[in-house]
Amino acid sequence: MDNSNPFNIKIVGKIDLEVPKKKKVTPELLQGIEEQIDQQQRKVKYDIRELTMEYYANKFEKGDMYVPDYQREFVWDEKHESRFIESILLELPVPMIFVAATENSKWEIVDGSQRVRTIDAFINDGFELIGLKKLTKLNGLCFSQLPQSIQLMFRDSAMRLIVLSKQTTEEARKEMFDRINTSGVSLLPMEIRRGVYRGEFTDFVIRLANEDRFKKLCPLEGFMKKRREEEEMVLRLFAFSETYPHFKIGKYALGEYGVAEYLDHYIDIKNETNDTNDMKQKEMEFWRLVSFMEKYFPKQGFAKAKNVPGVSKPYFEAIAVGAYMALKDNPNLSPKSLEWTNCNTNSHTVLFDLVSNRYRTHKPYKLKQRIEYAYKMFLQS
């Protein structure tokens, strides 16, 4: 038996494994690497502290530590809150808080608003502990009902904090916010955009998305109401209607970047151009769309069916962008029949098939198909 081939595998021919060529390293490149790292490190100045839970709660209550507009709404339920409190009581490691010092000596929370707000709420009897798996005897109790020794221990428990100095640039803060909130399961795309892509156009999208008339047309389920979904839909409305049919803005094409990154580039470019007339025109057309939907889809809005919570993004894109574009061509649009918009599982309409594919729903050609179909049907009906 051949000891070099103990499993007696028959080897036929020669296998050539292509080894990637290493990049040539020169003294100049090494020096450039050191200089680049040094230059980037200088942009971020910070110090690490360890503060008590009581300190966090007091500072938050006074407004000296605050949640900026671009941070998400409070989305933890009591089970999440309780699990976090249980971790502290068990002295388990918890993630650090990131804040940025402002000119008025306050702290803007970059990452950790859920944790800070939970600590403050718990100390102030804002909720009862539920669903605890380890400390089961604490279930149903609020902070003031705990033994005094446990209350004191909780107040004195420490959690680490990173404070970015006032000298840290806005660019560096955005970079940190983006990296923190894209390295794990955390924010949804629009929540991240609020922090990374600030500007007049972002504010414009947020303002329209928070209008009551528009929100009534978006029957979102409880959890998603707090996740900036209305803002995501308004952004898609403007981005896809403006760049139809090629879905390209500047050098960025939907087919090359995917929806989330494409929308990132779109909102970034719109913030840079800051075209006031363009926003005025879009707002006028936005309200025309809202009025149209209120009239012809009063109990349905952008949902697939009447009195059904939840808004499907593919369906929204077809109906909203299709109607938005049709109203541009005919501001007095008055469809006689809207049966083609039915999208329940019992009626396999053309639109149902266009918006119900499980895979690759946002390939440019599929997005174009559903928008184009709705656009033409609105004009013909």
Protein backbone atom coordinates (compact mmCIF):
# COMPACT_ATOMS: atom_id res chain seq x y z
CA MET A 1 0.00 0.00 0.00
CA ASP A 2 1.22 3.43 -0.87
CA ASN A 3 1.70 5.26 2.45
CA SER A 4 1.51 8.61 0.67
CA ASN A 5 -2.06 7.79 -0.31
CA PRO A 6 -3.48 6.00 2.77
CA PHE A 7 -7.11 6.15 1.60
CA ASN A 8 -6.22 4.50 -1.73
CA ILE A 9 -7.79 7.33 -3.70
CA LYS A 10 -7.08 7.10 -7.39
CA ILE A 11 -5.52 10.34 -8.56
CA VAL A 12 -5.94 11.04 -12.25
CA GLY A 13 -3.86 13.79 -13.86
CA LYS A 14 -2.38 16.81 -12.15
CA ILE A 15 -4.40 19.44 -10.35
CA ASP A 16 -3.09 22.97 -10.71
CA LEU A 17 -4.13 25.26 -7.88
CA GLU A 18 -3.86 28.91 -8.83
CA VAL A 19 -2.22 30.81 -6.00
CA PRO A 20 -3.18 34.49 -5.85
CA LYS A 21 -0.27 36.79 -6.50
CA LYS A 22 0.68 38.91 -3.54
CA LYS A 23 0.73 42.64 -3.93
CA LYS A 24 4.25 44.00 -4.21
CA VAL A 25 5.24 45.75 -0.99
CA THR A 26 7.64 48.66 -1.40
CA PRO A 27 9.20 50.93 1.26
CA GLU A 28 7.08 53.75 -0.14
CA LEU A 29 3.88 51.69 0.31
CA LEU A 30 4.77 50.79 3.91
CA GLN A 31 5.42 54.44 4.73
CA GLY A 32 2.13 55.41 3.07
CA ILE A 33 0.24 52.83 5.14
CA GLU A 34 1.67 54.21 8.40
CA GLU A 35 0.86 57.79 7.40
CA GLN A 36 -2.70 56.93 6.34
CA ILE A 37 -3.48 55.07 9.57
CA ASP A 38 -1.97 57.89 11.64
CA GLN A 39 -3.96 60.50 9.72
CA GLN A 40 -7.26 58.63 10.15
CA GLN A 41 -6.63 57.94 13.84
CA ARG A 42 -6.15 61.65 14.51
CA LYS A 43 -9.72 62.28 13.32
CA VAL A 44 -11.18 60.31 16.23
CA LYS A 45 -10.33 61.37 19.79
CA TYR A 46 -12.04 59.68 22.70
CA ASP A 47 -11.70 58.47 26.27
CA ILE A 48 -13.16 55.43 28.03
CA ARG A 49 -15.04 55.72 31.32
CA GLU A 50 -16.94 53.41 33.63
CA LEU A 51 -20.10 54.95 35.05
CA THR A 52 -22.84 53.68 37.35
CA MET A 53 -26.42 52.96 36.29
CA GLU A 54 -27.59 55.72 38.61
CA TYR A 55 -25.27 58.19 36.88
CA TYR A 56 -26.65 57.25 33.45
CA ALA A 57 -30.25 57.63 34.64
CA ASN A 58 -29.62 61.01 36.28
CA LYS A 59 -27.73 62.41 33.32
CA PHE A 60 -30.43 61.22 30.92
CA GLU A 61 -33.26 62.65 33.03
CA LYS A 62 -31.56 66.06 33.18
CA GLY A 63 -31.15 66.11 29.41
CA ASP A 64 -27.37 66.15 29.69
CA MET A 65 -27.33 62.85 27.76
CA TYR A 66 -29.82 62.91 24.90
CA VAL A 67 -31.04 60.89 21.93
CA PRO A 68 -30.51 62.74 18.62
CA ASP A 69 -33.20 62.86 15.94
CA TYR A 70 -31.45 60.34 13.73
CA GLN A 71 -31.62 57.60 16.38
CA ARG A 72 -34.49 55.14 16.20
CA GLU A 73 -37.63 55.34 18.30
CA PHE A 74 -37.73 53.19 21.40
CA VAL A 75 -38.52 49.74 20.00
CA TRP A 76 -37.66 47.34 22.84
CA ASP A 77 -40.65 45.64 24.42
CA GLU A 78 -40.74 44.72 28.12
CA LYS A 79 -39.20 41.30 27.46
CA HIS A 80 -36.16 42.91 25.85
CA GLU A 81 -35.95 45.48 28.63
CA SER A 82 -36.25 42.81 31.31
CA ARG A 83 -33.60 40.61 29.72
CA PHE A 84 -31.17 43.54 29.67
CA ILE A 85 -31.86 44.35 33.36
CA GLU A 86 -31.39 40.67 34.21
CA SER A 87 -27.97 40.74 32.51
CA ILE A 88 -26.92 43.66 34.71
CA LEU A 89 -28.18 41.99 37.89
CA LEU A 90 -26.29 38.83 36.95
CA GLU A 91 -23.17 40.97 36.35
CA LEU A 92 -22.91 39.71 32.79
CA PRO A 93 -20.96 41.77 30.22
CA VAL A 94 -23.10 44.26 28.30
CA PRO A 95 -22.11 46.36 25.27
CA MET A 96 -20.49 49.75 25.80
CA ILE A 97 -22.31 53.02 25.27
CA PHE A 98 -20.98 55.44 22.65
CA VAL A 99 -21.60 59.17 23.05
CA ALA A 100 -20.27 62.32 21.40
CA ALA A 101 -19.51 65.42 23.46
CA THR A 102 -21.19 68.54 22.08
CA GLU A 103 -20.22 72.21 22.28
CA ASN A 104 -22.57 72.77 25.23
CA SER A 105 -20.92 69.92 27.18
CA LYS A 106 -23.82 67.53 26.70
CA TRP A 107 -23.56 63.96 25.40
CA GLU A 108 -25.24 62.92 22.17
CA ILE A 109 -25.88 59.18 22.22
CA VAL A 110 -24.31 57.61 19.13
CA ASP A 111 -25.07 54.02 20.13
CA GLY A 112 -26.88 52.70 23.21
CA SER A 113 -30.09 54.72 23.42
CA GLN A 114 -32.15 51.57 24.03
CA ARG A 115 -29.96 50.62 27.00
CA VAL A 116 -29.85 54.10 28.54
CA ARG A 117 -33.60 54.57 28.27
CA THR A 118 -34.24 51.12 29.74
CA ILE A 119 -32.00 51.87 32.76
CA ASP A 120 -33.77 55.18 33.37
CA ALA A 121 -37.24 53.63 32.98
CA PHE A 122 -36.41 50.74 35.32
CA ILE A 123 -35.04 52.91 38.13
CA ASN A 124 -38.18 55.05 37.88
CA ASP A 125 -40.58 52.07 38.00
CA GLY A 126 -41.39 52.46 34.33
CA PHE A 127 -42.05 48.74 33.84
CA GLU A 128 -42.26 45.40 35.65
CA LEU A 129 -39.79 42.62 34.95
CA ILE A 130 -41.25 39.79 32.87
CA GLY A 131 -40.05 36.65 31.15
CA LEU A 132 -36.87 36.26 33.20
CA LYS A 133 -35.35 32.80 32.82
CA LYS A 134 -32.67 32.93 35.53
CA LEU A 135 -34.00 35.35 38.14
CA THR A 136 -37.54 33.98 38.01
CA LYS A 137 -38.50 35.30 41.46
CA LEU A 138 -38.18 38.87 40.12
CA ASN A 139 -40.89 38.42 37.49
CA GLY A 140 -43.81 40.79 38.08
CA LEU A 141 -41.76 43.18 40.21
CA CYS A 142 -40.68 46.75 39.51
CA PHE A 143 -37.52 48.41 40.84
CA SER A 144 -38.97 49.86 44.08
CA GLN A 145 -40.26 46.42 45.10
CA LEU A 146 -36.80 44.85 45.08
CA PRO A 147 -34.82 44.45 48.35
CA GLN A 148 -32.93 47.63 49.25
CA SER A 149 -29.61 45.81 48.90
CA ILE A 150 -30.46 44.79 45.33
CA GLN A 151 -31.61 48.32 44.46
CA LEU A 152 -28.31 49.72 45.74
CA MET A 153 -26.32 47.06 43.92
CA PHE A 154 -28.11 47.89 40.66
CA ARG A 155 -27.60 51.64 41.08
CA ASP A 156 -23.88 51.09 41.71
CA SER A 157 -23.37 48.60 38.86
CA ALA A 158 -21.11 50.04 36.19
CA MET A 159 -21.21 50.09 32.41
CA ARG A 160 -18.43 51.29 30.17
CA LEU A 161 -18.75 54.38 28.05
CA ILE A 162 -16.76 55.76 25.14
CA VAL A 163 -16.89 59.55 24.87
CA LEU A 164 -15.93 61.07 21.52
CA SER A 165 -14.33 64.46 22.09
CA LYS A 166 -15.73 67.73 20.79
CA GLN A 167 -12.80 67.85 18.36
CA THR A 168 -14.05 64.70 16.57
CA THR A 169 -15.29 65.76 13.14
CA GLU A 170 -18.85 65.32 11.92
CA GLU A 171 -17.51 63.02 9.22
CA ALA A 172 -15.89 60.78 11.84
CA ARG A 173 -19.09 60.66 13.90
CA LYS A 174 -21.09 59.59 10.87
CA GLU A 175 -18.50 56.95 10.06
CA MET A 176 -18.65 55.56 13.60
CA PHE A 177 -22.44 55.56 13.66
CA ASP A 178 -22.50 53.71 10.32
CA ARG A 179 -19.93 51.12 11.40
CA ILE A 180 -21.55 50.45 14.78
CA ASN A 181 -25.00 50.03 13.32
CA THR A 182 -24.06 47.93 10.31
CA SER A 183 -21.81 45.39 12.04
CA GLY A 184 -24.65 43.45 13.64
CA VAL A 185 -28.43 43.11 13.70
CA SER A 186 -29.50 46.60 14.58
CA LEU A 187 -30.99 49.40 12.56
CA LEU A 188 -33.02 49.21 9.39
CA PRO A 189 -31.68 51.06 6.32
CA MET A 190 -33.75 54.22 6.81
CA GLU A 191 -32.77 54.41 10.48
CA ILE A 192 -29.12 54.33 9.46
CA ARG A 193 -29.65 56.95 6.73
CA ARG A 194 -30.99 59.38 9.34
CA GLY A 195 -27.61 59.33 11.01
CA VAL A 196 -25.30 58.98 8.02
CA TYR A 197 -26.98 61.02 5.27
CA ARG A 198 -28.12 64.21 6.93
CA GLY A 199 -29.29 67.13 4.86
CA GLU A 200 -32.22 69.13 3.50
CA PHE A 201 -33.55 66.31 1.35
CA THR A 202 -33.42 63.81 4.23
CA ASP A 203 -35.35 66.30 6.40
CA PHE A 204 -37.82 66.77 3.53
CA VAL A 205 -38.48 63.02 3.28
CA ILE A 206 -38.88 62.70 7.06
CA ARG A 207 -41.33 65.61 7.20
CA LEU A 208 -43.62 64.24 4.49
CA ALA A 209 -43.48 60.71 5.91
CA ASN A 210 -44.70 61.99 9.28
CA GLU A 211 -47.75 63.74 7.85
CA ASP A 212 -50.89 62.18 9.36
CA ARG A 213 -52.68 61.91 6.01
CA PHE A 214 -49.86 59.84 4.55
CA LYS A 215 -49.47 57.69 7.67
CA LYS A 216 -53.17 56.80 7.55
CA LEU A 217 -52.59 55.36 4.09
CA CYS A 218 -49.83 53.13 5.50
CA PRO A 219 -51.50 50.69 7.92
CA LEU A 220 -48.28 49.43 9.45
CA GLU A 221 -48.20 46.86 12.22
CA GLY A 222 -47.23 48.07 15.71
CA PHE A 223 -43.55 47.16 15.66
CA MET A 224 -42.88 48.59 12.19
CA LYS A 225 -44.54 51.89 13.07
CA LYS A 226 -41.44 52.71 15.09
CA ARG A 227 -38.90 51.65 12.46
CA ARG A 228 -39.11 54.56 9.98
CA GLU A 229 -40.97 52.49 7.39
CA GLU A 230 -43.02 55.49 6.20
CA GLU A 231 -39.78 57.35 5.52
CA GLU A 232 -38.44 54.36 3.60
CA MET A 233 -41.58 54.35 1.43
CA VAL A 234 -41.45 58.07 0.69
CA LEU A 235 -37.80 57.74 -0.28
CA ARG A 236 -38.60 54.83 -2.62
CA LEU A 237 -41.45 56.82 -4.15
CA PHE A 238 -39.18 59.71 -5.08
CA ALA A 239 -36.13 57.65 -6.00
CA PHE A 240 -37.89 55.19 -8.31
CA SER A 241 -40.22 57.73 -9.95
CA GLU A 242 -37.38 60.15 -10.63
CA THR A 243 -34.97 57.56 -12.05
CA TYR A 244 -37.50 55.41 -13.95
CA PRO A 245 -37.03 53.53 -16.29
CA HIS A 246 -33.26 52.99 -15.97
CA PHE A 247 -33.04 53.46 -12.18
CA LYS A 248 -29.73 55.23 -12.34
CA ILE A 249 -28.58 58.46 -10.69
CA GLY A 250 -25.14 59.86 -11.42
CA LYS A 251 -22.83 56.88 -11.81
CA TYR A 252 -24.93 54.66 -9.54
CA ALA A 253 -27.29 52.07 -11.01
CA LEU A 254 -29.77 49.92 -9.11
CA GLY A 255 -28.64 46.79 -10.94
CA GLU A 256 -25.08 47.18 -9.66
CA TYR A 257 -25.67 48.21 -6.04
CA GLY A 258 -28.93 46.68 -4.80
CA VAL A 259 -31.85 48.63 -3.35
CA ALA A 260 -30.44 49.71 0.04
CA GLU A 261 -27.13 50.99 -1.34
CA TYR A 262 -28.81 52.57 -4.36
CA LEU A 263 -31.15 54.52 -2.08
CA ASP A 264 -28.13 55.54 0.01
CA HIS A 265 -26.48 57.05 -3.07
CA TYR A 266 -29.74 58.66 -4.19
CA ILE A 267 -30.41 60.45 -0.89
CA ASP A 268 -26.74 61.45 -0.61
CA ILE A 269 -26.79 63.06 -4.07
CA LYS A 270 -30.12 64.80 -3.40
CA ASN A 271 -28.72 66.24 -0.16
CA GLU A 272 -25.68 67.55 -2.02
CA THR A 273 -27.66 69.20 -4.82
CA ASN A 274 -30.18 70.64 -2.33
CA ASP A 275 -32.54 71.70 -5.15
CA THR A 276 -35.33 73.70 -3.49
CA ASN A 277 -37.45 73.89 -6.64
CA ASP A 278 -37.19 70.14 -7.10
CA MET A 279 -38.41 69.55 -3.55
CA LYS A 280 -41.32 71.99 -4.02
CA GLN A 281 -42.37 70.14 -7.17
CA LYS A 282 -42.08 66.78 -5.45
CA GLU A 283 -44.15 67.98 -2.50
CA MET A 284 -46.94 69.20 -4.77
CA GLU A 285 -46.99 65.85 -6.59
CA PHE A 286 -46.80 63.98 -3.29
CA TRP A 287 -49.96 65.66 -1.98
CA ARG A 288 -51.72 65.04 -5.29
CA LEU A 289 -50.95 61.34 -4.87
CA VAL A 290 -52.18 61.40 -1.25
CA SER A 291 -55.48 63.02 -2.29
CA PHE A 292 -55.90 60.47 -5.09
CA MET A 293 -55.32 57.54 -2.71
CA GLU A 294 -57.69 58.98 -0.11
CA LYS A 295 -60.41 59.22 -2.75
CA TYR A 296 -59.99 55.89 -4.53
CA PHE A 297 -58.45 53.68 -1.81
CA PRO A 298 -60.12 55.10 1.34
CA LYS A 299 -60.18 51.90 3.43
CA GLN A 300 -57.11 50.33 1.91
CA GLY A 301 -54.42 52.92 1.30
CA PHE A 302 -51.21 51.26 0.18
CA ALA A 303 -52.09 47.88 1.72
CA LYS A 304 -52.78 44.91 -0.54
CA ALA A 305 -56.38 44.64 0.70
CA LYS A 306 -58.91 46.58 2.77
CA ASN A 307 -58.53 46.51 6.54
CA VAL A 308 -55.34 44.45 6.31
CA PRO A 309 -52.34 45.72 8.32
CA GLY A 310 -48.90 45.79 6.75
CA VAL A 311 -47.61 47.35 3.55
CA SER A 312 -45.78 45.24 0.99
CA LYS A 313 -42.92 47.22 -0.54
CA PRO A 314 -43.33 45.69 -4.05
CA TYR A 315 -47.07 46.47 -3.96
CA PHE A 316 -46.42 49.98 -2.64
CA GLU A 317 -43.91 50.64 -5.42
CA ALA A 318 -46.37 49.50 -8.08
CA ILE A 319 -49.38 51.46 -6.81
CA ALA A 320 -47.64 54.54 -5.39
CA VAL A 321 -45.06 55.10 -8.14
CA GLY A 322 -47.49 54.02 -10.88
CA ALA A 323 -50.18 56.46 -9.70
CA TYR A 324 -47.61 59.19 -9.01
CA MET A 325 -46.38 59.00 -12.61
CA ALA A 326 -49.88 58.67 -14.08
CA LEU A 327 -51.01 61.78 -12.19
CA LYS A 328 -48.13 63.68 -13.75
CA ASP A 329 -49.54 62.85 -17.18
CA ASN A 330 -53.15 63.40 -16.14
CA PRO A 331 -53.67 65.45 -12.95
CA ASN A 332 -57.44 64.85 -13.24
CA LEU A 333 -57.06 61.08 -13.31
CA SER A 334 -60.42 59.40 -12.59
CA PRO A 335 -60.21 55.60 -12.93
CA LYS A 336 -63.53 53.80 -13.46
CA SER A 337 -62.33 50.39 -12.35
CA LEU A 338 -59.67 49.33 -9.90
CA GLU A 339 -60.32 45.59 -9.87
CA TRP A 340 -56.87 45.03 -11.35
CA THR A 341 -55.33 46.31 -8.09
CA ASN A 342 -56.71 43.33 -6.09
CA CYS A 343 -53.85 41.33 -4.68
CA ASN A 344 -55.36 38.74 -2.36
CA THR A 345 -54.37 35.10 -2.61
CA ASN A 346 -57.74 34.10 -4.06
CA SER A 347 -57.44 36.33 -7.13
CA HIS A 348 -54.28 35.75 -9.12
CA THR A 349 -54.35 38.99 -11.08
CA VAL A 350 -51.49 40.20 -13.25
CA LEU A 351 -50.46 42.62 -10.51
CA PHE A 352 -50.52 39.80 -7.93
CA ASP A 353 -48.02 37.86 -10.02
CA LEU A 354 -45.83 40.94 -10.54
CA VAL A 355 -45.51 41.77 -6.84
CA SER A 356 -45.61 38.32 -5.24
CA ASN A 357 -42.38 36.75 -6.49
CA ARG A 358 -40.27 35.53 -3.58
CA TYR A 359 -36.92 36.00 -5.26
CA ARG A 360 -35.13 38.92 -6.88
CA THR A 361 -38.15 41.18 -6.57
CA HIS A 362 -35.94 44.24 -6.86
CA LYS A 363 -34.09 43.41 -10.00
CA PRO A 364 -34.47 46.53 -12.19
CA TYR A 365 -36.52 44.76 -14.85
CA LYS A 366 -39.02 43.44 -12.27
CA LEU A 367 -39.34 46.83 -10.61
CA LYS A 368 -39.89 48.39 -14.04
CA GLN A 369 -42.52 45.78 -14.93
CA ARG A 370 -44.72 46.37 -11.89
CA ILE A 371 -44.43 50.16 -11.99
CA GLU A 372 -45.10 50.26 -15.73
CA TYR A 373 -48.10 47.94 -15.45
CA ALA A 374 -49.74 50.03 -12.70
CA TYR A 375 -48.91 53.28 -14.51
CA LYS A 376 -50.58 52.12 -17.74
CA MET A 377 -53.58 50.60 -15.97
CA PHE A 378 -54.25 53.80 -14.04
CA LEU A 379 -54.28 55.77 -17.29
CA GLN A 380 -56.46 53.23 -19.14
CA SER A 381 -59.02 52.44 -16.45
